[in-house]
Amino acid sequence: MRKAERKFLARFIYESDTIEGIQDDLKLLEGQIADDKRDGHVGAMLLLESLAESGREPLVDKRLICHVQGLITAEQHLKPGGPKLAEGWIGKYRRIDVWIGGRRCPSPALVPRMMMDWVGDACARQRNARSQSLQVNIQNIADLHWRFEEIHPFVDGNGRTGRALVWYLFRHAGIKPLIFTNWDKYATYYPCFGESGPEAMRRYFMRKTGFGIQTLPVQRK
């Protein structure tokens, strides 16, 4: 990976952690990326980067999603602001209720089925990515991100895992990923969730990738 690519990936990780109140050191992240670190947040991102570069099957699946969440959260307590998770919450779908922004997320009993449907849609969109336009791919990934965060399949690490999967889906489709920033989270990112629906997330993704706010109709299930 070239120096500019290492810096870009380090910035992605730095901002994703900062959104959650977890502090990173950019230079340390760049060094860990250069050293091909296999664990932690860096290890998760390098794993997804290698899969995206290879373009090989299988595509996104439950095992990969849980592994990425496990890598991201297992060491988070070693960073300032990162809580230590119980072993049973690392790399496994949640079995308890969680709330986000005052909203109760779907019952844990529904999570496995909802995530099975999510994985099926993600795989279908990955398989068709190279035959779709840039605009369609960006909006498809925005839809998937919105749904993932609405499901909130884990006790912790949902935001960072969801954004890591966005990186992977962008790279798999041959698109330079966007960087979610702590600076705009309250003004433009967080408001996309909840009752606003995936259309707001589509508009956010389009603005972040330089396509203005033009979006295609959302296919609602």
Protein backbone atom coordinates (compact mmCIF):
# COMPACT_ATOMS: atom_id res chain seq x y z
CA MET A 1 0.00 0.00 0.00
CA ARG A 2 1.41 3.40 -1.01
CA LYS A 3 2.00 6.15 1.54
CA ALA A 4 -0.96 8.22 0.31
CA GLU A 5 -3.23 5.18 0.61
CA ARG A 6 -1.97 4.47 4.14
CA LYS A 7 -2.71 8.07 5.12
CA PHE A 8 -6.21 7.88 3.65
CA LEU A 9 -7.01 4.64 5.46
CA ALA A 10 -5.54 5.95 8.71
CA ARG A 11 -7.75 9.04 8.42
CA PHE A 12 -10.80 6.84 7.83
CA ILE A 13 -10.08 4.83 11.00
CA TYR A 14 -9.22 7.96 12.99
CA GLU A 15 -12.49 9.70 12.09
CA SER A 16 -14.61 6.58 12.58
CA ASP A 17 -13.21 6.13 16.08
CA THR A 18 -13.52 9.83 16.89
CA ILE A 19 -17.21 9.77 15.97
CA GLU A 20 -17.62 7.30 18.86
CA GLY A 21 -15.52 9.34 21.29
CA ILE A 22 -12.46 7.08 20.97
CA GLN A 23 -9.08 8.77 20.53
CA ASP A 24 -6.45 7.63 18.05
CA ASP A 25 -2.98 8.76 16.99
CA LEU A 26 -2.77 9.22 13.21
CA LYS A 27 0.96 8.53 13.03
CA LEU A 28 0.53 5.36 15.07
CA LEU A 29 -2.28 4.21 12.79
CA GLU A 30 -0.17 4.84 9.70
CA GLY A 31 2.67 2.82 11.23
CA GLN A 32 0.34 -0.06 12.11
CA ILE A 33 -1.00 -0.09 8.56
CA ALA A 34 2.54 -0.12 7.15
CA ASP A 35 3.39 -3.00 9.50
CA ASP A 36 0.31 -4.94 8.32
CA LYS A 37 -1.20 -5.17 11.81
CA ARG A 38 -3.59 -8.13 11.95
CA ASP A 39 -5.73 -7.23 14.96
CA GLY A 40 -7.70 -4.24 16.23
CA HIS A 41 -9.41 -1.66 14.05
CA VAL A 42 -6.44 -1.56 11.69
CA GLY A 43 -6.50 -5.34 11.30
CA ALA A 44 -10.21 -5.25 10.45
CA MET A 45 -9.72 -2.61 7.78
CA LEU A 46 -6.71 -4.33 6.23
CA LEU A 47 -8.67 -7.58 6.09
CA LEU A 48 -11.52 -5.87 4.24
CA GLU A 49 -9.06 -4.11 1.95
CA SER A 50 -7.43 -7.42 1.01
CA LEU A 51 -10.81 -9.01 0.29
CA ALA A 52 -11.87 -6.05 -1.83
CA GLU A 53 -8.64 -6.15 -3.81
CA SER A 54 -8.99 -9.87 -4.51
CA GLY A 55 -12.69 -9.60 -5.44
CA ARG A 56 -13.06 -13.24 -4.51
CA GLU A 57 -16.02 -15.15 -3.11
CA PRO A 58 -17.51 -15.45 -0.58
CA LEU A 59 -18.78 -11.90 -0.41
CA VAL A 60 -19.98 -10.22 2.77
CA ASP A 61 -21.49 -12.73 5.19
CA LYS A 62 -22.29 -13.17 8.88
CA ARG A 63 -18.91 -14.64 9.69
CA LEU A 64 -17.06 -11.71 8.13
CA ILE A 65 -19.31 -9.11 9.78
CA CYS A 66 -18.89 -10.65 13.23
CA HIS A 67 -15.15 -11.03 12.74
CA VAL A 68 -14.80 -7.37 11.79
CA GLN A 69 -16.82 -6.25 14.82
CA GLY A 70 -14.73 -8.55 17.01
CA LEU A 71 -11.45 -7.14 15.75
CA ILE A 72 -12.63 -3.55 16.17
CA THR A 73 -14.05 -3.94 19.68
CA ALA A 74 -11.66 -6.44 21.28
CA GLU A 75 -8.90 -3.86 21.73
CA GLN A 76 -10.94 -0.67 21.96
CA HIS A 77 -10.37 -0.39 25.70
CA LEU A 78 -6.68 0.16 25.02
CA LYS A 79 -7.52 3.50 23.42
CA PRO A 80 -8.65 6.57 25.39
CA GLY A 81 -12.45 6.66 25.50
CA GLY A 82 -12.91 3.04 24.49
CA PRO A 83 -14.93 0.84 26.89
CA LYS A 84 -13.93 -2.74 27.65
CA LEU A 85 -16.54 -5.16 26.38
CA ALA A 86 -17.59 -8.43 27.95
CA GLU A 87 -16.37 -11.44 25.99
CA GLY A 88 -19.93 -12.42 25.08
CA TRP A 89 -20.44 -9.14 23.22
CA ILE A 90 -17.40 -9.47 20.99
CA GLY A 91 -17.96 -11.01 17.55
CA LYS A 92 -21.54 -12.04 18.30
CA TYR A 93 -24.95 -10.62 17.53
CA ARG A 94 -26.59 -9.02 20.53
CA ARG A 95 -29.00 -10.89 22.80
CA ILE A 96 -30.19 -7.81 24.68
CA ASP A 97 -32.14 -4.68 23.80
CA VAL A 98 -30.21 -1.55 22.84
CA TRP A 99 -31.28 2.04 22.32
CA ILE A 100 -29.76 4.67 20.05
CA GLY A 101 -30.71 8.32 20.17
CA GLY A 102 -33.65 7.49 22.41
CA ARG A 103 -34.94 4.95 19.89
CA ARG A 104 -35.26 1.28 20.76
CA CYS A 105 -33.60 -0.87 18.12
CA PRO A 106 -35.27 -4.06 16.81
CA SER A 107 -35.72 -6.86 19.32
CA PRO A 108 -32.66 -9.14 19.60
CA ALA A 109 -34.95 -12.02 18.61
CA LEU A 110 -35.35 -10.36 15.19
CA VAL A 111 -31.70 -9.56 14.61
CA PRO A 112 -30.55 -12.90 13.07
CA ARG A 113 -33.33 -12.88 10.48
CA MET A 114 -32.95 -9.19 9.70
CA MET A 115 -29.21 -9.62 9.25
CA MET A 116 -29.72 -12.69 7.06
CA ASP A 117 -31.89 -10.53 4.78
CA TRP A 118 -29.29 -7.74 4.91
CA VAL A 119 -26.48 -10.10 3.93
CA GLY A 120 -28.56 -11.47 1.06
CA ASP A 121 -29.18 -7.99 -0.30
CA ALA A 122 -25.56 -6.95 0.20
CA CYS A 123 -24.27 -9.98 -1.71
CA ALA A 124 -26.72 -9.42 -4.56
CA ARG A 125 -25.65 -5.80 -4.87
CA GLN A 126 -21.97 -6.76 -4.72
CA ARG A 127 -22.39 -9.27 -7.53
CA ASN A 128 -24.05 -6.64 -9.72
CA ALA A 129 -21.79 -3.76 -8.72
CA ARG A 130 -19.50 -3.81 -11.75
CA SER A 131 -22.48 -3.62 -14.14
CA GLN A 132 -24.10 -0.69 -12.31
CA SER A 133 -23.43 3.01 -12.66
CA LEU A 134 -21.35 4.87 -10.09
CA GLN A 135 -24.45 6.70 -8.86
CA VAL A 136 -26.47 3.49 -8.42
CA ASN A 137 -23.63 1.81 -6.52
CA ILE A 138 -23.20 4.73 -4.13
CA GLN A 139 -26.91 4.84 -3.38
CA ASN A 140 -27.13 1.06 -2.96
CA ILE A 141 -24.33 1.20 -0.38
CA ALA A 142 -26.04 4.12 1.36
CA ASP A 143 -29.21 2.01 1.64
CA LEU A 144 -27.26 -0.89 3.13
CA HIS A 145 -25.52 1.38 5.64
CA TRP A 146 -28.80 2.89 6.77
CA ARG A 147 -30.37 -0.55 7.24
CA PHE A 148 -27.35 -1.95 9.08
CA GLU A 149 -27.37 0.86 11.60
CA GLU A 150 -31.14 0.62 12.02
CA ILE A 151 -30.80 -3.08 12.88
CA HIS A 152 -27.85 -2.35 15.21
CA PRO A 153 -26.89 -6.04 15.38
CA PHE A 154 -24.24 -5.71 18.11
CA VAL A 155 -24.14 -4.39 21.65
CA ASP A 156 -21.27 -2.08 20.66
CA GLY A 157 -19.21 -1.30 17.58
CA ASN A 158 -22.15 -0.94 15.20
CA GLY A 159 -21.11 2.44 13.84
CA ARG A 160 -17.48 1.51 13.26
CA THR A 161 -18.38 -1.91 11.84
CA GLY A 162 -21.02 -0.39 9.57
CA ARG A 163 -18.61 2.24 8.29
CA ALA A 164 -15.92 -0.42 7.76
CA LEU A 165 -18.40 -2.37 5.63
CA VAL A 166 -19.11 0.79 3.63
CA TRP A 167 -15.36 1.01 2.92
CA TYR A 168 -15.36 -2.62 1.79
CA LEU A 169 -18.43 -2.24 -0.44
CA PHE A 170 -17.03 0.90 -2.04
CA ARG A 171 -13.66 -0.73 -2.69
CA HIS A 172 -15.25 -3.93 -3.98
CA ALA A 173 -17.23 -1.84 -6.48
CA GLY A 174 -14.05 -0.05 -7.57
CA ILE A 175 -15.02 3.29 -5.97
CA LYS A 176 -12.84 5.45 -3.73
CA PRO A 177 -14.49 5.34 -0.28
CA LEU A 178 -15.90 8.39 1.43
CA ILE A 179 -14.65 9.38 4.88
CA PHE A 180 -17.24 9.87 7.61
CA THR A 181 -16.03 12.73 9.80
CA ASN A 182 -16.59 13.62 13.40
CA TRP A 183 -16.96 17.24 12.29
CA ASP A 184 -20.23 16.66 10.41
CA LYS A 185 -21.77 13.87 12.46
CA TYR A 186 -24.38 16.00 14.22
CA ALA A 187 -25.11 18.32 11.30
CA THR A 188 -25.48 15.83 8.44
CA TYR A 189 -24.63 12.21 9.36
CA TYR A 190 -26.62 11.35 12.48
CA PRO A 191 -29.79 13.07 11.19
CA CYS A 192 -29.90 10.48 8.36
CA PHE A 193 -30.93 7.75 10.80
CA GLY A 194 -34.25 7.01 12.39
CA GLU A 195 -37.55 7.96 10.84
CA SER A 196 -35.99 10.03 8.05
CA GLY A 197 -35.48 6.83 6.04
CA PRO A 198 -32.72 5.80 3.62
CA GLU A 199 -33.34 8.74 1.29
CA ALA A 200 -31.52 11.07 3.69
CA MET A 201 -28.55 8.69 3.81
CA ARG A 202 -28.48 8.57 0.02
CA ARG A 203 -28.31 12.34 -0.12
CA TYR A 204 -25.52 12.35 2.47
CA PHE A 205 -23.48 9.80 0.48
CA MET A 206 -24.02 11.68 -2.76
CA ARG A 207 -22.86 14.98 -1.25
CA LYS A 208 -19.81 13.32 0.35
CA THR A 209 -18.79 11.79 -2.98
CA GLY A 210 -19.32 15.00 -4.97
CA PHE A 211 -22.57 14.17 -6.74
CA GLY A 212 -24.79 16.85 -5.21
CA ILE A 213 -28.15 15.71 -3.85
CA GLN A 214 -29.70 14.04 -6.90
CA THR A 215 -30.86 10.53 -5.94
CA LEU A 216 -32.82 7.69 -7.48
CA PRO A 217 -36.13 6.42 -6.06
CA VAL A 218 -35.75 4.23 -2.97
CA GLN A 219 -37.23 0.75 -3.30
CA ARG A 220 -38.97 0.17 -0.02
CA LYS A 221 -39.54 -3.34 1.31
